[in-house]
Amino acid sequence: MAQVDMKQVKELRDRTQAGLNDCRSALMEAEGDMEKAVEIILKKGLAKSAKRAGMVAAEGVVATRVSQDGLSAVIVEVNIQTDFAARNEEFTTFVDKVVQAAEAAEDGADLGAQPFPGGQGTVEENRAALVGRLGENITVRRWQRVRVPSPGKVTSYIHMGGKIGVILGVKTGSAEVAGHAEVAKFLDETAMQVAAMNPPYLHAGEIPEADKNQQREIYAAQLAEEGKIPEDKRPNVIEGKLGKWAQEVCLLDQPSVLEPKKTVRSLLQEVEKAAGGSVEVVGFVRFERGEGIAQPQGADFAAEVAAMAGGN
């Protein structure tokens, strides 16, 4: 059986909130495969909440910019080691320049290789120079763009000073619809919905079949573990659970955080009636600062490890 170290146990604990002994057992059963261990925890019903990304650790900011024509927007994450340095004027100026570079870049381009707006050299060269001046590591981690056809409109939303950023776009039946106040309101509120609820998909048609099958396996294992429902009844129960899961992970099918009795889709239909034309959500991107970056081990975890060791 594979050897499991405490770093792996902590990562699994952070992702599932299951107990340390359960995490260690799951990792041993999975022979050190983290994703298999997450599935084992889920199937045994031991997870309080499972995260596909790691714990947030990095400081820095998520920033956005909407183009002048309102048909595209970019979102960028730039990380730095401490919150104090993230408020430094030189760092915030650098972030603004990186966003400008993203706006001028081709989709998928390496931002580090782009010319530094209003200065000399590349983004990467200016990043390295700023690291030397501030004494902290800086990473231009990722960026993305949402673009919509004309007529259409995009919006951006920044939460908690750059902890979370969202860009979202719609295409519309006419320029008049794109400029309607109800469409602007829907865009703003839906961007906040994305920030709050973090849906991975726009609608059920986007969910890969492999993800659905994986979820079916998890529900099947949970039902088998509970043993309360006869085996011949489980397929229908599993499909019912899968339908509820799809509503949770798809933006258009989620209950609105502002009007919980309505879904985002039903609110969109109301907006179409009010604006007098079609409105279709094209896509969205949500970045959360530091998501997926491992967090340093803290005192609470060390104490829990000591307690676990003492119990062996």
C-alpha atoms as a PDB file:
ATOM      1  CA  MET A   1       0.000   0.000   0.000  1.00  0.00           C
ATOM      2  CA  ALA A   2       1.293   3.481  -0.925  1.00  0.00           C
ATOM      3  CA  GLN A   3       2.943   5.667   1.696  1.00  0.00           C
ATOM      4  CA  VAL A   4       0.951   8.795   2.551  1.00  0.00           C
ATOM      5  CA  ASP A   5       2.527  11.947   3.989  1.00  0.00           C
ATOM      6  CA  MET A   6       0.815  14.591   6.103  1.00  0.00           C
ATOM      7  CA  LYS A   7       0.970  17.158   3.323  1.00  0.00           C
ATOM      8  CA  GLN A   8      -1.350  14.951   1.263  1.00  0.00           C
ATOM      9  CA  VAL A   9      -3.599  14.354   4.260  1.00  0.00           C
ATOM     10  CA  LYS A  10      -3.885  18.089   4.850  1.00  0.00           C
ATOM     11  CA  GLU A  11      -4.725  18.784   1.212  1.00  0.00           C
ATOM     12  CA  LEU A  12      -7.484  16.174   1.289  1.00  0.00           C
ATOM     13  CA  ARG A  13      -8.767  17.486   4.613  1.00  0.00           C
ATOM     14  CA  ASP A  14      -8.835  21.043   3.205  1.00  0.00           C
ATOM     15  CA  ARG A  15     -10.729  19.895   0.148  1.00  0.00           C
ATOM     16  CA  THR A  16     -13.323  17.754   1.911  1.00  0.00           C
ATOM     17  CA  GLN A  17     -13.380  18.863   5.576  1.00  0.00           C
ATOM     18  CA  ALA A  18     -13.393  15.177   6.517  1.00  0.00           C
ATOM     19  CA  GLY A  19     -11.508  13.947   9.588  1.00  0.00           C
ATOM     20  CA  LEU A  20      -7.774  13.382   9.418  1.00  0.00           C
ATOM     21  CA  ASN A  21      -8.004   9.642  10.022  1.00  0.00           C
ATOM     22  CA  ASP A  22     -10.654   9.343   7.319  1.00  0.00           C
ATOM     23  CA  CYS A  23      -8.463  11.332   4.943  1.00  0.00           C
ATOM     24  CA  ARG A  24      -5.427   9.201   5.675  1.00  0.00           C
ATOM     25  CA  SER A  25      -7.423   5.993   5.173  1.00  0.00           C
ATOM     26  CA  ALA A  26      -8.879   7.258   1.907  1.00  0.00           C
ATOM     27  CA  LEU A  27      -5.452   8.198   0.572  1.00  0.00           C
ATOM     28  CA  MET A  28      -4.054   4.799   1.501  1.00  0.00           C
ATOM     29  CA  GLU A  29      -6.991   3.090  -0.187  1.00  0.00           C
ATOM     30  CA  ALA A  30      -6.468   5.267  -3.279  1.00  0.00           C
ATOM     31  CA  GLU A  31      -2.719   4.513  -3.211  1.00  0.00           C
ATOM     32  CA  GLY A  32      -1.918   8.210  -2.974  1.00  0.00           C
ATOM     33  CA  ASP A  33      -4.144   9.344  -5.863  1.00  0.00           C
ATOM     34  CA  MET A  34      -5.702  12.589  -4.604  1.00  0.00           C
ATOM     35  CA  GLU A  35      -8.710  12.646  -6.950  1.00  0.00           C
ATOM     36  CA  LYS A  36      -9.570   9.024  -6.177  1.00  0.00           C
ATOM     37  CA  ALA A  37      -9.269   9.803  -2.474  1.00  0.00           C
ATOM     38  CA  VAL A  38     -11.751  12.690  -2.853  1.00  0.00           C
ATOM     39  CA  GLU A  39     -14.182  10.289  -4.514  1.00  0.00           C
ATOM     40  CA  ILE A  40     -13.740   7.751  -1.717  1.00  0.00           C
ATOM     41  CA  ILE A  41     -14.524  10.410   0.891  1.00  0.00           C
ATOM     42  CA  LEU A  42     -17.599  11.509  -1.083  1.00  0.00           C
ATOM     43  CA  LYS A  43     -18.842   7.973  -1.633  1.00  0.00           C
ATOM     44  CA  LYS A  44     -18.575   7.197   2.070  1.00  0.00           C
ATOM     45  CA  GLY A  45     -20.488  10.349   2.884  1.00  0.00           C
ATOM     46  CA  LEU A  46     -17.658  11.694   5.032  1.00  0.00           C
ATOM     47  CA  ALA A  47     -17.204  15.057   3.316  1.00  0.00           C
ATOM     48  CA  LYS A  48     -18.729  18.186   4.773  1.00  0.00           C
ATOM     49  CA  SER A  49     -17.867  19.992   1.521  1.00  0.00           C
ATOM     50  CA  ALA A  50     -15.601  18.908  -1.304  1.00  0.00           C
ATOM     51  CA  LYS A  51     -13.603  21.391  -3.325  1.00  0.00           C
ATOM     52  CA  ARG A  52     -12.051  20.597  -6.662  1.00  0.00           C
ATOM     53  CA  ALA A  53      -9.580  23.415  -6.140  1.00  0.00           C
ATOM     54  CA  GLY A  54      -7.140  23.757  -3.264  1.00  0.00           C
ATOM     55  CA  MET A  55      -7.363  26.222  -0.437  1.00  0.00           C
ATOM     56  CA  VAL A  56      -6.823  29.938  -1.051  1.00  0.00           C
ATOM     57  CA  ALA A  57      -3.368  31.034   0.104  1.00  0.00           C
ATOM     58  CA  ALA A  58      -1.932  33.734  -2.189  1.00  0.00           C
ATOM     59  CA  GLU A  59      -2.575  37.433  -1.747  1.00  0.00           C
ATOM     60  CA  GLY A  60      -2.929  39.899  -4.592  1.00  0.00           C
ATOM     61  CA  VAL A  61      -5.890  40.966  -6.668  1.00  0.00           C
ATOM     62  CA  VAL A  62      -8.331  39.988  -9.377  1.00  0.00           C
ATOM     63  CA  ALA A  63      -8.947  42.886 -11.779  1.00  0.00           C
ATOM     64  CA  THR A  64     -11.232  43.388 -14.773  1.00  0.00           C
ATOM     65  CA  ARG A  65     -11.698  45.808 -17.654  1.00  0.00           C
ATOM     66  CA  VAL A  66     -14.615  46.239 -20.070  1.00  0.00           C
ATOM     67  CA  SER A  67     -13.839  47.467 -23.585  1.00  0.00           C
ATOM     68  CA  GLN A  68     -15.093  50.859 -24.754  1.00  0.00           C
ATOM     69  CA  ASP A  69     -17.575  49.272 -27.164  1.00  0.00           C
ATOM     70  CA  GLY A  70     -18.989  47.115 -24.345  1.00  0.00           C
ATOM     71  CA  LEU A  71     -18.597  43.916 -26.347  1.00  0.00           C
ATOM     72  CA  SER A  72     -15.669  42.335 -24.514  1.00  0.00           C
ATOM     73  CA  ALA A  73     -14.041  42.237 -21.104  1.00  0.00           C
ATOM     74  CA  VAL A  74     -10.864  40.772 -19.632  1.00  0.00           C
ATOM     75  CA  ILE A  75     -10.182  39.383 -16.174  1.00  0.00           C
ATOM     76  CA  VAL A  76      -6.693  38.997 -14.707  1.00  0.00           C
ATOM     77  CA  GLU A  77      -5.275  37.577 -11.481  1.00  0.00           C
ATOM     78  CA  VAL A  78      -1.966  38.934 -10.179  1.00  0.00           C
ATOM     79  CA  ASN A  79      -0.583  37.458  -6.958  1.00  0.00           C
ATOM     80  CA  ILE A  80       1.866  38.727  -4.368  1.00  0.00           C
ATOM     81  CA  GLN A  81       2.994  37.267  -1.058  1.00  0.00           C
ATOM     82  CA  THR A  82       1.355  39.559   1.525  1.00  0.00           C
ATOM     83  CA  ASP A  83      -1.798  41.605   1.840  1.00  0.00           C
ATOM     84  CA  PHE A  84       0.302  44.598   2.909  1.00  0.00           C
ATOM     85  CA  ALA A  85       2.296  44.530  -0.335  1.00  0.00           C
ATOM     86  CA  ALA A  86      -0.901  44.055  -2.349  1.00  0.00           C
ATOM     87  CA  ARG A  87      -1.938  47.557  -1.247  1.00  0.00           C
ATOM     88  CA  ASN A  88       1.359  49.089  -2.368  1.00  0.00           C
ATOM     89  CA  GLU A  89       0.834  51.777  -5.008  1.00  0.00           C
ATOM     90  CA  GLU A  90       3.523  50.348  -7.274  1.00  0.00           C
ATOM     91  CA  PHE A  91       1.830  46.951  -7.195  1.00  0.00           C
ATOM     92  CA  THR A  92      -1.645  48.332  -7.929  1.00  0.00           C
ATOM     93  CA  THR A  93      -0.226  50.389 -10.811  1.00  0.00           C
ATOM     94  CA  PHE A  94       1.471  47.275 -12.165  1.00  0.00           C
ATOM     95  CA  VAL A  95      -1.821  45.346 -11.994  1.00  0.00           C
ATOM     96  CA  ASP A  96      -3.580  48.093 -13.961  1.00  0.00           C
ATOM     97  CA  LYS A  97      -0.903  47.899 -16.660  1.00  0.00           C
ATOM     98  CA  VAL A  98      -1.226  44.108 -16.817  1.00  0.00           C
ATOM     99  CA  VAL A  99      -4.965  44.482 -17.388  1.00  0.00           C
ATOM    100  CA  GLN A 100      -4.251  46.936 -20.196  1.00  0.00           C
ATOM    101  CA  ALA A 101      -1.824  44.429 -21.706  1.00  0.00           C
ATOM    102  CA  ALA A 102      -4.481  41.720 -21.514  1.00  0.00           C
ATOM    103  CA  GLU A 103      -7.009  43.943 -23.261  1.00  0.00           C
ATOM    104  CA  ALA A 104      -4.565  44.474 -26.151  1.00  0.00           C
ATOM    105  CA  ALA A 105      -3.444  40.827 -26.358  1.00  0.00           C
ATOM    106  CA  GLU A 106      -4.771  38.031 -28.547  1.00  0.00           C
ATOM    107  CA  ASP A 107      -6.900  35.415 -26.791  1.00  0.00           C
ATOM    108  CA  GLY A 108      -4.698  32.863 -25.028  1.00  0.00           C
ATOM    109  CA  ALA A 109      -1.517  34.934 -25.359  1.00  0.00           C
ATOM    110  CA  ASP A 110       1.271  34.775 -22.781  1.00  0.00           C
ATOM    111  CA  LEU A 111       0.850  38.047 -20.887  1.00  0.00           C
ATOM    112  CA  GLY A 112       4.450  37.988 -19.726  1.00  0.00           C
ATOM    113  CA  ALA A 113       5.626  38.335 -23.321  1.00  0.00           C
ATOM    114  CA  GLN A 114       3.355  41.315 -24.099  1.00  0.00           C
ATOM    115  CA  PRO A 115       4.709  44.878 -24.351  1.00  0.00           C
ATOM    116  CA  PHE A 116       4.350  46.757 -21.066  1.00  0.00           C
ATOM    117  CA  PRO A 117       1.775  49.546 -21.616  1.00  0.00           C
ATOM    118  CA  GLY A 118       3.216  53.035 -21.297  1.00  0.00           C
ATOM    119  CA  GLY A 119       6.692  51.763 -20.504  1.00  0.00           C
ATOM    120  CA  GLN A 120       9.652  49.810 -21.762  1.00  0.00           C
ATOM    121  CA  GLY A 121      10.209  46.084 -22.101  1.00  0.00           C
ATOM    122  CA  THR A 122       7.691  43.296 -21.538  1.00  0.00           C
ATOM    123  CA  VAL A 123       5.241  42.604 -18.736  1.00  0.00           C
ATOM    124  CA  GLU A 124       7.615  39.905 -17.459  1.00  0.00           C
ATOM    125  CA  GLU A 125      10.608  42.237 -17.392  1.00  0.00           C
ATOM    126  CA  ASN A 126       8.642  44.830 -15.437  1.00  0.00           C
ATOM    127  CA  ARG A 127       7.343  42.126 -13.088  1.00  0.00           C
ATOM    128  CA  ALA A 128      10.884  40.993 -12.315  1.00  0.00           C
ATOM    129  CA  ALA A 129      11.976  44.572 -11.679  1.00  0.00           C
ATOM    130  CA  LEU A 130       9.063  45.153  -9.301  1.00  0.00           C
ATOM    131  CA  VAL A 131       9.932  41.971  -7.395  1.00  0.00           C
ATOM    132  CA  GLY A 132      13.374  43.434  -6.814  1.00  0.00           C
ATOM    133  CA  ARG A 133      11.964  46.729  -5.563  1.00  0.00           C
ATOM    134  CA  LEU A 134       9.258  45.309  -3.277  1.00  0.00           C
ATOM    135  CA  GLY A 135      11.145  42.242  -2.068  1.00  0.00           C
ATOM    136  CA  GLU A 136       8.167  39.927  -2.617  1.00  0.00           C
ATOM    137  CA  ASN A 137       7.445  37.421  -5.327  1.00  0.00           C
ATOM    138  CA  ILE A 138       4.800  38.510  -7.860  1.00  0.00           C
ATOM    139  CA  THR A 139       3.007  36.229 -10.305  1.00  0.00           C
ATOM    140  CA  VAL A 140       0.867  37.199 -13.274  1.00  0.00           C
ATOM    141  CA  ARG A 141      -1.077  34.021 -12.825  1.00  0.00           C
ATOM    142  CA  ARG A 142      -3.882  33.890 -15.394  1.00  0.00           C
ATOM    143  CA  TRP A 143      -6.217  35.881 -17.575  1.00  0.00           C
ATOM    144  CA  GLN A 144      -9.271  35.329 -19.763  1.00  0.00           C
ATOM    145  CA  ARG A 145     -11.650  37.222 -22.027  1.00  0.00           C
ATOM    146  CA  VAL A 146     -15.407  37.136 -22.657  1.00  0.00           C
ATOM    147  CA  ARG A 147     -16.454  38.502 -26.034  1.00  0.00           C
ATOM    148  CA  VAL A 148     -19.995  38.856 -27.386  1.00  0.00           C
ATOM    149  CA  PRO A 149     -21.252  39.606 -30.901  1.00  0.00           C
ATOM    150  CA  SER A 150     -22.974  42.871 -31.711  1.00  0.00           C
ATOM    151  CA  PRO A 151     -25.604  43.623 -30.589  1.00  0.00           C
ATOM    152  CA  GLY A 152     -24.708  42.547 -27.070  1.00  0.00           C
ATOM    153  CA  LYS A 153     -23.225  43.708 -23.808  1.00  0.00           C
ATOM    154  CA  VAL A 154     -20.688  42.607 -21.206  1.00  0.00           C
ATOM    155  CA  THR A 155     -20.257  43.571 -17.589  1.00  0.00           C
ATOM    156  CA  SER A 156     -17.734  43.025 -14.821  1.00  0.00           C
ATOM    157  CA  TYR A 157     -18.022  42.730 -11.067  1.00  0.00           C
ATOM    158  CA  ILE A 158     -15.329  42.927  -8.393  1.00  0.00           C
ATOM    159  CA  HIS A 159     -16.047  41.636  -4.887  1.00  0.00           C
ATOM    160  CA  MET A 160     -14.218  42.637  -1.688  1.00  0.00           C
ATOM    161  CA  GLY A 161     -11.621  44.805  -3.369  1.00  0.00           C
ATOM    162  CA  GLY A 162     -10.387  42.141  -5.753  1.00  0.00           C
ATOM    163  CA  LYS A 163     -10.862  38.885  -3.861  1.00  0.00           C
ATOM    164  CA  ILE A 164     -13.325  37.688  -6.507  1.00  0.00           C
ATOM    165  CA  GLY A 165     -13.861  38.969 -10.029  1.00  0.00           C
ATOM    166  CA  VAL A 166     -16.473  38.107 -12.645  1.00  0.00           C
ATOM    167  CA  ILE A 167     -16.987  39.007 -16.294  1.00  0.00           C
ATOM    168  CA  LEU A 168     -20.224  38.056 -18.039  1.00  0.00           C
ATOM    169  CA  GLY A 169     -21.745  38.753 -21.439  1.00  0.00           C
ATOM    170  CA  VAL A 170     -25.047  38.523 -23.296  1.00  0.00           C
ATOM    171  CA  LYS A 171     -26.002  38.785 -26.922  1.00  0.00           C
ATOM    172  CA  THR A 172     -29.288  40.517 -27.679  1.00  0.00           C
ATOM    173  CA  GLY A 173     -31.829  40.772 -30.475  1.00  0.00           C
ATOM    174  CA  SER A 174     -31.147  44.459 -31.086  1.00  0.00           C
ATOM    175  CA  ALA A 175     -29.026  47.392 -29.983  1.00  0.00           C
ATOM    176  CA  GLU A 176     -32.071  48.819 -28.224  1.00  0.00           C
ATOM    177  CA  VAL A 177     -32.390  45.679 -26.126  1.00  0.00           C
ATOM    178  CA  ALA A 178     -28.654  45.746 -25.336  1.00  0.00           C
ATOM    179  CA  GLY A 179     -29.028  49.301 -24.037  1.00  0.00           C
ATOM    180  CA  HIS A 180     -32.162  48.645 -21.984  1.00  0.00           C
ATOM    181  CA  ALA A 181     -31.939  49.384 -18.263  1.00  0.00           C
ATOM    182  CA  GLU A 182     -33.403  45.989 -17.333  1.00  0.00           C
ATOM    183  CA  VAL A 183     -30.664  44.217 -19.295  1.00  0.00           C
ATOM    184  CA  ALA A 184     -27.981  46.219 -17.490  1.00  0.00           C
ATOM    185  CA  LYS A 185     -29.617  45.375 -14.156  1.00  0.00           C
ATOM    186  CA  PHE A 186     -29.774  41.673 -15.061  1.00  0.00           C
ATOM    187  CA  LEU A 187     -26.104  41.661 -16.059  1.00  0.00           C
ATOM    188  CA  ASP A 188     -25.003  43.277 -12.811  1.00  0.00           C
ATOM    189  CA  GLU A 189     -27.124  41.016 -10.619  1.00  0.00           C
ATOM    190  CA  THR A 190     -26.141  37.863 -12.496  1.00  0.00           C
ATOM    191  CA  ALA A 191     -22.454  38.735 -12.210  1.00  0.00           C
ATOM    192  CA  MET A 192     -22.992  38.984  -8.452  1.00  0.00           C
ATOM    193  CA  GLN A 193     -24.780  35.606  -8.583  1.00  0.00           C
ATOM    194  CA  VAL A 194     -21.720  34.059 -10.237  1.00  0.00           C
ATOM    195  CA  ALA A 195     -19.458  35.599  -7.604  1.00  0.00           C
ATOM    196  CA  ALA A 196     -21.612  34.289  -4.752  1.00  0.00           C
ATOM    197  CA  MET A 197     -22.553  30.827  -6.043  1.00  0.00           C
ATOM    198  CA  ASN A 198     -19.551  29.919  -8.239  1.00  0.00           C
ATOM    199  CA  PRO A 199     -21.428  27.833 -10.832  1.00  0.00           C
ATOM    200  CA  PRO A 200     -19.038  25.792 -13.013  1.00  0.00           C
ATOM    201  CA  TYR A 201     -21.485  25.595 -15.935  1.00  0.00           C
ATOM    202  CA  LEU A 202     -23.903  27.902 -17.733  1.00  0.00           C
ATOM    203  CA  HIS A 203     -26.555  25.242 -18.441  1.00  0.00           C
ATOM    204  CA  ALA A 204     -26.981  21.481 -18.195  1.00  0.00           C
ATOM    205  CA  GLY A 205     -25.928  20.965 -21.801  1.00  0.00           C
ATOM    206  CA  GLU A 206     -22.401  22.041 -20.863  1.00  0.00           C
ATOM    207  CA  ILE A 207     -21.917  19.308 -18.235  1.00  0.00           C
ATOM    208  CA  PRO A 208     -19.596  16.612 -19.642  1.00  0.00           C
ATOM    209  CA  GLU A 209     -21.039  13.103 -19.589  1.00  0.00           C
ATOM    210  CA  ALA A 210     -17.979  11.921 -17.665  1.00  0.00           C
ATOM    211  CA  ASP A 211     -18.825  14.360 -14.851  1.00  0.00           C
ATOM    212  CA  LYS A 212     -22.424  13.124 -14.764  1.00  0.00           C
ATOM    213  CA  ASN A 213     -21.282   9.511 -14.612  1.00  0.00           C
ATOM    214  CA  GLN A 214     -18.837  10.316 -11.826  1.00  0.00           C
ATOM    215  CA  GLN A 215     -21.628  11.979  -9.864  1.00  0.00           C
ATOM    216  CA  ARG A 216     -23.863   8.933 -10.450  1.00  0.00           C
ATOM    217  CA  GLU A 217     -21.143   6.695  -9.024  1.00  0.00           C
ATOM    218  CA  ILE A 218     -20.851   8.898  -5.950  1.00  0.00           C
ATOM    219  CA  TYR A 219     -24.616   8.813  -5.316  1.00  0.00           C
ATOM    220  CA  ALA A 220     -24.740   5.049  -5.915  1.00  0.00           C
ATOM    221  CA  ALA A 221     -21.967   4.469  -3.391  1.00  0.00           C
ATOM    222  CA  GLN A 222     -23.641   6.763  -0.853  1.00  0.00           C
ATOM    223  CA  LEU A 223     -26.969   4.914  -1.200  1.00  0.00           C
ATOM    224  CA  ALA A 224     -25.210   1.569  -0.884  1.00  0.00           C
ATOM    225  CA  GLU A 225     -23.406   2.807   2.237  1.00  0.00           C
ATOM    226  CA  GLU A 226     -26.692   3.964   3.800  1.00  0.00           C
ATOM    227  CA  GLY A 227     -28.533   0.770   2.813  1.00  0.00           C
ATOM    228  CA  LYS A 228     -31.964   2.342   3.317  1.00  0.00           C
ATOM    229  CA  ILE A 229     -33.258   2.174  -0.265  1.00  0.00           C
ATOM    230  CA  PRO A 230     -33.751  -1.144  -2.112  1.00  0.00           C
ATOM    231  CA  GLU A 231     -31.270  -1.689  -4.913  1.00  0.00           C
ATOM    232  CA  ASP A 232     -33.951  -1.789  -7.635  1.00  0.00           C
ATOM    233  CA  LYS A 233     -35.206   1.657  -6.541  1.00  0.00           C
ATOM    234  CA  ARG A 234     -31.792   3.313  -6.527  1.00  0.00           C
ATOM    235  CA  PRO A 235     -31.476   4.233 -10.252  1.00  0.00           C
ATOM    236  CA  ASN A 236     -34.513   6.530 -10.057  1.00  0.00           C
ATOM    237  CA  VAL A 237     -33.260   8.076  -6.822  1.00  0.00           C
ATOM    238  CA  ILE A 238     -29.832   8.620  -8.382  1.00  0.00           C
ATOM    239  CA  GLU A 239     -31.303  10.368 -11.420  1.00  0.00           C
ATOM    240  CA  GLY A 240     -33.369  12.580  -9.134  1.00  0.00           C
ATOM    241  CA  LYS A 241     -30.274  13.526  -7.178  1.00  0.00           C
ATOM    242  CA  LEU A 242     -28.422  14.158 -10.448  1.00  0.00           C
ATOM    243  CA  GLY A 243     -31.141  16.564 -11.553  1.00  0.00           C
ATOM    244  CA  LYS A 244     -30.900  18.510  -8.288  1.00  0.00           C
ATOM    245  CA  TRP A 245     -27.111  18.559  -8.588  1.00  0.00           C
ATOM    246  CA  ALA A 246     -27.375  19.981 -12.125  1.00  0.00           C
ATOM    247  CA  GLN A 247     -29.560  22.802 -10.808  1.00  0.00           C
ATOM    248  CA  GLU A 248     -26.905  23.625  -8.230  1.00  0.00           C
ATOM    249  CA  VAL A 249     -23.974  23.721 -10.662  1.00  0.00           C
ATOM    250  CA  CYS A 250     -25.608  25.443 -13.670  1.00  0.00           C
ATOM    251  CA  LEU A 251     -25.981  29.226 -13.527  1.00  0.00           C
ATOM    252  CA  LEU A 252     -29.269  29.490 -15.416  1.00  0.00           C
ATOM    253  CA  ASP A 253     -30.950  26.848 -13.231  1.00  0.00           C
ATOM    254  CA  GLN A 254     -29.765  28.173  -9.871  1.00  0.00           C
ATOM    255  CA  PRO A 255     -32.221  29.972  -7.593  1.00  0.00           C
ATOM    256  CA  SER A 256     -31.458  33.684  -7.668  1.00  0.00           C
ATOM    257  CA  VAL A 257     -29.596  34.895  -4.580  1.00  0.00           C
ATOM    258  CA  LEU A 258     -31.717  38.066  -4.716  1.00  0.00           C
ATOM    259  CA  GLU A 259     -35.069  36.385  -5.494  1.00  0.00           C
ATOM    260  CA  PRO A 260     -34.768  32.807  -4.200  1.00  0.00           C
ATOM    261  CA  LYS A 261     -38.202  31.759  -5.474  1.00  0.00           C
ATOM    262  CA  LYS A 262     -37.071  32.389  -9.048  1.00  0.00           C
ATOM    263  CA  THR A 263     -34.244  30.873 -11.081  1.00  0.00           C
ATOM    264  CA  VAL A 264     -31.775  32.943 -13.067  1.00  0.00           C
ATOM    265  CA  ARG A 265     -33.424  31.562 -16.224  1.00  0.00           C
ATOM    266  CA  SER A 266     -36.881  32.778 -15.181  1.00  0.00           C
ATOM    267  CA  LEU A 267     -35.472  36.215 -14.368  1.00  0.00           C
ATOM    268  CA  LEU A 268     -33.863  36.275 -17.813  1.00  0.00           C
ATOM    269  CA  GLN A 269     -37.242  35.548 -19.399  1.00  0.00           C
ATOM    270  CA  GLU A 270     -38.759  38.458 -17.447  1.00  0.00           C
ATOM    271  CA  VAL A 271     -35.975  40.728 -18.708  1.00  0.00           C
ATOM    272  CA  GLU A 272     -36.648  39.699 -22.315  1.00  0.00           C
ATOM    273  CA  LYS A 273     -40.301  40.699 -21.918  1.00  0.00           C
ATOM    274  CA  ALA A 274     -39.398  44.006 -20.309  1.00  0.00           C
ATOM    275  CA  ALA A 275     -36.745  44.839 -22.912  1.00  0.00           C
ATOM    276  CA  GLY A 276     -38.865  43.696 -25.855  1.00  0.00           C
ATOM    277  CA  GLY A 277     -36.363  41.286 -27.403  1.00  0.00           C
ATOM    278  CA  SER A 278     -34.129  38.274 -26.973  1.00  0.00           C
ATOM    279  CA  VAL A 279     -31.324  38.151 -24.404  1.00  0.00           C
ATOM    280  CA  GLU A 280     -28.964  35.169 -24.249  1.00  0.00           C
ATOM    281  CA  VAL A 281     -26.138  34.653 -21.775  1.00  0.00           C
ATOM    282  CA  VAL A 282     -23.068  33.862 -23.900  1.00  0.00           C
ATOM    283  CA  GLY A 283     -20.600  33.059 -21.143  1.00  0.00           C
ATOM    284  CA  PHE A 284     -18.911  34.092 -17.934  1.00  0.00           C
ATOM    285  CA  VAL A 285     -15.602  33.772 -16.119  1.00  0.00           C
ATOM    286  CA  ARG A 286     -15.065  33.847 -12.365  1.00  0.00           C
ATOM    287  CA  PHE A 287     -11.643  34.152 -10.722  1.00  0.00           C
ATOM    288  CA  GLU A 288     -11.115  33.907  -6.974  1.00  0.00           C
ATOM    289  CA  ARG A 289      -7.807  35.203  -5.728  1.00  0.00           C
ATOM    290  CA  GLY A 290      -5.417  32.391  -4.877  1.00  0.00           C
ATOM    291  CA  GLU A 291      -7.812  29.504  -5.588  1.00  0.00           C
ATOM    292  CA  GLY A 292      -5.873  26.329  -6.184  1.00  0.00           C
ATOM    293  CA  ILE A 293      -2.706  27.584  -4.513  1.00  0.00           C
ATOM    294  CA  ALA A 294      -1.692  25.469  -1.508  1.00  0.00           C
ATOM    295  CA  GLN A 295      -1.953  27.155   1.876  1.00  0.00           C
ATOM    296  CA  PRO A 296       0.936  26.916   4.354  1.00  0.00           C
ATOM    297  CA  GLN A 297       0.385  24.581   7.301  1.00  0.00           C
ATOM    298  CA  GLY A 298      -1.096  26.427  10.267  1.00  0.00           C
ATOM    299  CA  ALA A 299      -1.132  25.928  14.023  1.00  0.00           C
ATOM    300  CA  ASP A 300      -4.618  24.387  14.067  1.00  0.00           C
ATOM    301  CA  PHE A 301      -3.606  21.669  11.654  1.00  0.00           C
ATOM    302  CA  ALA A 302      -0.435  20.937  13.624  1.00  0.00           C
ATOM    303  CA  ALA A 303      -2.467  20.605  16.817  1.00  0.00           C
ATOM    304  CA  GLU A 304      -4.902  18.263  15.109  1.00  0.00           C
ATOM    305  CA  VAL A 305      -2.044  16.108  13.821  1.00  0.00           C
ATOM    306  CA  ALA A 306      -0.552  15.948  17.315  1.00  0.00           C
ATOM    307  CA  ALA A 307      -3.899  14.911  18.754  1.00  0.00           C
ATOM    308  CA  MET A 308      -4.322  12.261  16.094  1.00  0.00           C
ATOM    309  CA  ALA A 309      -0.823  10.902  16.727  1.00  0.00           C
ATOM    310  CA  GLY A 310      -1.486  10.788  20.447  1.00  0.00           C
ATOM    311  CA  GLY A 311      -4.558   8.693  19.839  1.00  0.00           C
ATOM    312  CA  ASN A 312      -2.682   6.013  17.873  1.00  0.00           C
END
